[in-house]
Amino acid sequence: MDLTKGRVTVDFAASTVRFEDGERDETFPTSDPRAFDLASAAWLRAGWDAKHVYTFSWFGRPIIQLPDDMVRMQEAIYAVKPDVIVETGIAHGGSLVYYASLFEAMGRGRVIGVDIEIREHNRAALDAHELRGRIETIVGSSVAPEIVAGVRARIDPGERVMVILDSNHTYDHVLAELEAYAPMVSPGSYIVATDGIMRDLDGAPRSQPGWSTDNPYHAGQTFLAAHPEFELAQPAWPFDESIGLTRNVTYWPGSWLKRRA
């Protein structure tokens, strides 16, 4: 079922979740994974409308990410143990600091951030940060050939690389980023095209006409069709005592593209 096209009703007294879309009318107990998926979809949409992700920081820097996504990213980073994370899109620098803090705890690794602009107050905060030694920044378009070459030049032979795409989220730009940065990704590691939730936000506040197709999710699908060396593979949960849950609660549907070993 398309969880974004119907009506979801949570009945706390009855411990049920109901889904209606004109063709289906189904009710599930709240313990059913399908009920969790439905309630999560409603929560994600409400969170988008209320700008929930604009309420967090990490080690002093705003981090405009869903906490669920960042915990899952931590799990993937610890499993892959990359030497380098390349992230396109810097904003306030919170994600760079987050990854740098994980590397600091692991005693290895550095982050390379790329953005077309780093505002002065954000640059000053990053330059003064305790984790600055694990962060490098490059200013310029993430798909400009000289910028891509500059990133590649900062990666030493044999280093294990993960890439996270979080800059311009249009289909064309993300597809160009995928083509440019995927060759840097190590076997068994990931390139993550974030914010595929755009496909589900037609008519939402701050959305744009055309997001249903002009988004990172569809760019990832196009990329996968042309690159059999990659597969769509959500990282396995290292701990799971749930009752049948299988889906991440995420702003990043279809984002985890894994380079086959």
Protein backbone atom coordinates (compact mmCIF):
# COMPACT_ATOMS: atom_id res chain seq x y z
CA MET A 1 0.00 0.00 0.00
CA ASP A 2 1.10 3.60 -0.60
CA LEU A 3 1.23 4.86 2.96
CA THR A 4 1.17 8.52 1.88
CA LYS A 5 -2.06 8.48 -0.15
CA GLY A 6 -4.61 7.47 2.44
CA ARG A 7 -6.02 8.27 5.85
CA VAL A 8 -4.39 6.92 8.98
CA THR A 9 -6.35 6.78 12.24
CA VAL A 10 -4.72 5.80 15.52
CA ASP A 11 -7.14 4.56 18.17
CA PHE A 12 -5.24 4.51 21.45
CA ALA A 13 -8.23 3.13 23.39
CA ALA A 14 -8.52 0.12 21.07
CA SER A 15 -4.73 -0.14 20.40
CA THR A 16 -5.33 -0.14 16.65
CA VAL A 17 -4.24 1.74 13.55
CA ARG A 18 -6.64 2.04 10.61
CA PHE A 19 -5.73 2.72 6.98
CA GLU A 20 -8.24 3.95 4.35
CA ASP A 21 -7.51 5.02 0.78
CA GLY A 22 -10.76 4.52 -1.15
CA GLU A 23 -9.83 0.98 -2.16
CA ARG A 24 -8.72 -0.45 1.16
CA ASP A 25 -10.02 -0.19 4.68
CA GLU A 26 -7.80 -2.20 7.00
CA THR A 27 -7.25 -2.08 10.73
CA PHE A 28 -4.20 -3.49 12.51
CA PRO A 29 -3.33 -3.94 16.17
CA THR A 30 -0.60 -1.54 17.25
CA SER A 31 1.74 -4.49 17.78
CA ASP A 32 1.58 -5.31 14.04
CA PRO A 33 4.58 -4.02 12.02
CA ARG A 34 2.12 -2.65 9.45
CA ALA A 35 0.59 -0.46 12.15
CA PHE A 36 4.03 0.85 13.03
CA ASP A 37 4.75 1.62 9.37
CA LEU A 38 1.47 3.54 9.05
CA ALA A 39 1.94 5.51 12.26
CA SER A 40 5.54 6.25 11.29
CA ALA A 41 4.49 7.58 7.88
CA ALA A 42 1.98 9.91 9.56
CA TRP A 43 4.60 11.02 12.11
CA LEU A 44 7.16 11.71 9.38
CA ARG A 45 4.71 13.89 7.48
CA ALA A 46 3.67 15.76 10.63
CA GLY A 47 7.33 16.20 11.52
CA TRP A 48 8.06 17.65 8.10
CA ASP A 49 5.17 20.08 8.37
CA ALA A 50 6.28 21.19 11.87
CA LYS A 51 10.02 21.34 10.92
CA HIS A 52 10.88 18.76 13.59
CA VAL A 53 14.40 18.21 12.20
CA TYR A 54 15.20 21.88 12.78
CA THR A 55 15.37 21.34 16.55
CA PHE A 56 18.60 19.35 16.99
CA SER A 57 22.30 20.00 17.39
CA TRP A 58 25.40 17.85 17.75
CA PHE A 59 28.40 19.00 19.79
CA GLY A 60 27.23 22.58 19.47
CA ARG A 61 26.37 22.69 15.75
CA PRO A 62 22.84 22.56 14.29
CA ILE A 63 22.23 19.22 12.57
CA ILE A 64 19.21 19.22 10.28
CA GLN A 65 18.66 15.47 10.22
CA LEU A 66 16.18 12.97 11.58
CA PRO A 67 17.73 11.35 14.68
CA ASP A 68 16.62 7.89 13.49
CA ASP A 69 18.64 8.37 10.30
CA MET A 70 21.71 9.47 12.21
CA VAL A 71 21.60 6.49 14.56
CA ARG A 72 21.30 4.15 11.57
CA MET A 73 24.19 6.00 9.92
CA GLN A 74 26.27 5.46 13.07
CA GLU A 75 25.56 1.74 12.84
CA ALA A 76 26.69 1.67 9.21
CA ILE A 77 29.84 3.69 9.90
CA TYR A 78 30.85 1.42 12.76
CA ALA A 79 30.29 -1.66 10.57
CA VAL A 80 32.09 -0.31 7.49
CA LYS A 81 34.82 1.55 9.41
CA PRO A 82 35.68 3.96 6.59
CA ASP A 83 38.88 5.99 6.63
CA VAL A 84 37.13 8.85 4.81
CA ILE A 85 33.54 10.06 4.62
CA VAL A 86 32.78 12.49 1.80
CA GLU A 87 29.66 14.58 2.39
CA THR A 88 28.22 16.99 -0.14
CA GLY A 89 26.24 19.77 1.54
CA ILE A 90 27.54 21.38 4.73
CA ALA A 91 24.94 23.93 5.95
CA HIS A 92 25.77 24.57 9.63
CA GLY A 93 28.29 21.74 9.74
CA GLY A 94 26.42 19.57 12.23
CA SER A 95 26.69 16.42 10.14
CA LEU A 96 30.41 16.95 9.60
CA VAL A 97 30.88 17.28 13.35
CA TYR A 98 28.72 14.20 13.95
CA TYR A 99 30.85 12.04 11.67
CA ALA A 100 34.04 13.55 13.06
CA SER A 101 32.91 12.68 16.60
CA LEU A 102 32.37 9.06 15.59
CA PHE A 103 35.82 8.97 14.03
CA GLU A 104 37.29 10.51 17.17
CA ALA A 105 35.71 7.79 19.29
CA MET A 106 36.97 5.12 16.87
CA GLY A 107 40.47 6.61 16.81
CA ARG A 108 40.54 6.90 13.04
CA GLY A 109 39.12 8.69 10.03
CA ARG A 110 38.29 12.12 8.66
CA VAL A 111 35.43 13.89 6.90
CA ILE A 112 35.62 15.86 3.65
CA GLY A 113 32.72 18.31 3.28
CA VAL A 114 31.84 19.95 -0.03
CA ASP A 115 29.48 22.89 -0.50
CA ILE A 116 29.01 25.65 -3.03
CA GLU A 117 29.07 28.13 -0.12
CA ILE A 118 30.10 28.05 3.53
CA ARG A 119 28.75 31.08 5.35
CA GLU A 120 31.27 32.97 7.44
CA HIS A 121 29.66 32.24 10.81
CA ASN A 122 29.49 28.54 9.99
CA ARG A 123 33.11 28.46 8.82
CA ALA A 124 34.23 30.29 11.96
CA ALA A 125 32.36 27.81 14.17
CA LEU A 126 33.89 24.83 12.35
CA ASP A 127 37.37 26.34 12.45
CA ALA A 128 37.07 26.78 16.21
CA HIS A 129 35.52 23.39 16.91
CA GLU A 130 37.27 20.79 19.06
CA LEU A 131 36.96 18.23 16.24
CA ARG A 132 38.35 20.51 13.52
CA GLY A 133 41.34 18.22 13.07
CA ARG A 134 39.13 15.52 11.55
CA ILE A 135 37.24 17.86 9.18
CA GLU A 136 38.29 19.18 5.76
CA THR A 137 36.12 21.48 3.63
CA ILE A 138 36.06 22.30 -0.06
CA VAL A 139 34.08 25.22 -1.49
CA GLY A 140 32.54 24.78 -4.94
CA SER A 141 29.85 22.90 -6.82
CA SER A 142 29.92 19.24 -5.84
CA VAL A 143 29.59 18.20 -9.50
CA ALA A 144 32.20 20.56 -10.97
CA PRO A 145 35.02 18.43 -12.44
CA GLU A 146 37.73 20.35 -10.58
CA ILE A 147 35.92 19.89 -7.26
CA VAL A 148 35.42 16.18 -7.83
CA ALA A 149 39.10 15.90 -8.76
CA GLY A 150 40.02 17.82 -5.60
CA VAL A 151 38.07 15.39 -3.45
CA ARG A 152 39.66 12.42 -5.17
CA ALA A 153 43.12 13.91 -4.66
CA ARG A 154 42.51 14.01 -0.89
CA ILE A 155 41.85 10.27 -0.73
CA ASP A 156 44.96 8.14 -0.39
CA PRO A 157 45.31 4.82 -2.23
CA GLY A 158 43.80 1.97 -0.25
CA GLU A 159 41.64 4.17 1.99
CA ARG A 160 38.11 2.95 2.65
CA VAL A 161 35.52 5.52 1.52
CA MET A 162 31.83 6.20 2.20
CA VAL A 163 29.92 9.02 0.44
CA ILE A 164 26.84 10.91 1.64
CA LEU A 165 24.95 13.18 -0.78
CA ASP A 166 23.05 15.98 0.98
CA SER A 167 23.38 19.09 -1.18
CA ASN A 168 21.07 20.04 -4.07
CA HIS A 169 18.35 17.37 -4.04
CA THR A 170 17.07 17.65 -7.62
CA TYR A 171 17.02 14.51 -9.73
CA ASP A 172 19.61 15.83 -12.21
CA HIS A 173 22.03 17.04 -9.56
CA VAL A 174 21.87 13.90 -7.43
CA LEU A 175 22.28 11.69 -10.49
CA ALA A 176 25.35 13.73 -11.50
CA GLU A 177 26.73 13.37 -7.96
CA LEU A 178 26.14 9.63 -8.02
CA GLU A 179 28.04 9.30 -11.29
CA ALA A 180 30.88 11.50 -10.01
CA TYR A 181 31.39 10.05 -6.52
CA ALA A 182 30.35 6.40 -6.83
CA PRO A 183 33.74 5.40 -8.28
CA MET A 184 35.34 6.56 -5.00
CA VAL A 185 33.18 4.22 -2.88
CA SER A 186 34.97 1.15 -1.58
CA PRO A 187 33.56 -2.37 -2.10
CA GLY A 188 31.21 -3.19 0.77
CA SER A 189 30.70 0.52 1.54
CA TYR A 190 27.87 2.90 0.60
CA ILE A 191 26.92 6.02 -1.29
CA VAL A 192 23.84 7.45 0.43
CA ALA A 193 21.48 9.72 -1.52
CA THR A 194 19.59 11.42 1.30
CA ASP A 195 16.13 13.01 1.47
CA GLY A 196 14.21 10.72 -0.86
CA ILE A 197 11.20 11.62 1.31
CA MET A 198 10.66 14.44 -1.19
CA ARG A 199 8.82 11.92 -3.38
CA ASP A 200 6.09 11.67 -0.70
CA LEU A 201 5.60 15.38 0.02
CA ASP A 202 3.45 16.72 -2.81
CA GLY A 203 1.41 19.58 -1.37
CA ALA A 204 3.31 19.70 1.93
CA PRO A 205 4.64 22.99 3.33
CA ARG A 206 7.95 24.02 1.68
CA SER A 207 7.50 21.40 -1.05
CA GLN A 208 7.76 22.19 -4.76
CA PRO A 209 5.66 21.03 -7.73
CA GLY A 210 7.29 18.01 -9.34
CA TRP A 211 8.94 16.60 -6.23
CA SER A 212 7.13 13.29 -6.81
CA THR A 213 9.68 12.55 -9.56
CA ASP A 214 12.32 15.28 -9.17
CA ASN A 215 14.04 13.83 -6.12
CA PRO A 216 17.02 11.76 -4.88
CA TYR A 217 15.02 8.54 -4.68
CA HIS A 218 14.37 8.46 -8.41
CA ALA A 219 17.94 9.52 -9.17
CA GLY A 220 19.11 6.52 -7.16
CA GLN A 221 16.79 4.20 -9.07
CA THR A 222 18.12 5.48 -12.40
CA PHE A 223 21.70 5.08 -11.20
CA LEU A 224 21.13 1.52 -10.02
CA ALA A 225 19.65 0.50 -13.36
CA ALA A 226 22.89 1.50 -15.08
CA HIS A 227 25.35 0.30 -12.43
CA PRO A 228 25.10 -3.38 -11.52
CA GLU A 229 28.17 -2.98 -9.31
CA PHE A 230 25.81 -1.28 -6.83
CA GLU A 231 22.70 -2.60 -5.10
CA LEU A 232 19.95 -1.09 -2.98
CA ALA A 233 20.74 -2.47 0.46
CA GLN A 234 19.61 -1.00 3.77
CA PRO A 235 22.36 -1.83 6.28
CA ALA A 236 21.39 -4.70 8.55
CA TRP A 237 20.36 -3.70 12.06
CA PRO A 238 23.06 -5.04 14.40
CA PHE A 239 20.50 -5.30 17.22
CA ASP A 240 16.84 -6.22 16.68
CA GLU A 241 14.46 -7.61 19.29
CA SER A 242 11.41 -6.02 17.67
CA ILE A 243 8.26 -7.90 16.73
CA GLY A 244 8.88 -8.15 12.99
CA LEU A 245 9.91 -4.60 12.15
CA THR A 246 11.98 -4.31 8.96
CA ARG A 247 11.80 -0.67 7.77
CA ASN A 248 13.79 2.30 8.95
CA VAL A 249 11.83 5.32 10.13
CA THR A 250 13.54 7.61 7.68
CA TYR A 251 13.72 10.70 5.54
CA TRP A 252 15.97 8.65 3.26
CA PRO A 253 13.86 5.96 1.52
CA GLY A 254 15.80 4.08 -1.13
CA SER A 255 18.98 5.92 -0.23
CA TRP A 256 21.48 3.22 0.75
CA LEU A 257 23.36 2.19 -2.40
CA LYS A 258 25.98 -0.42 -1.57
CA ARG A 259 28.99 -1.24 -3.72
CA ARG A 260 29.10 -4.99 -4.15
CA ALA A 261 32.13 -6.63 -2.60
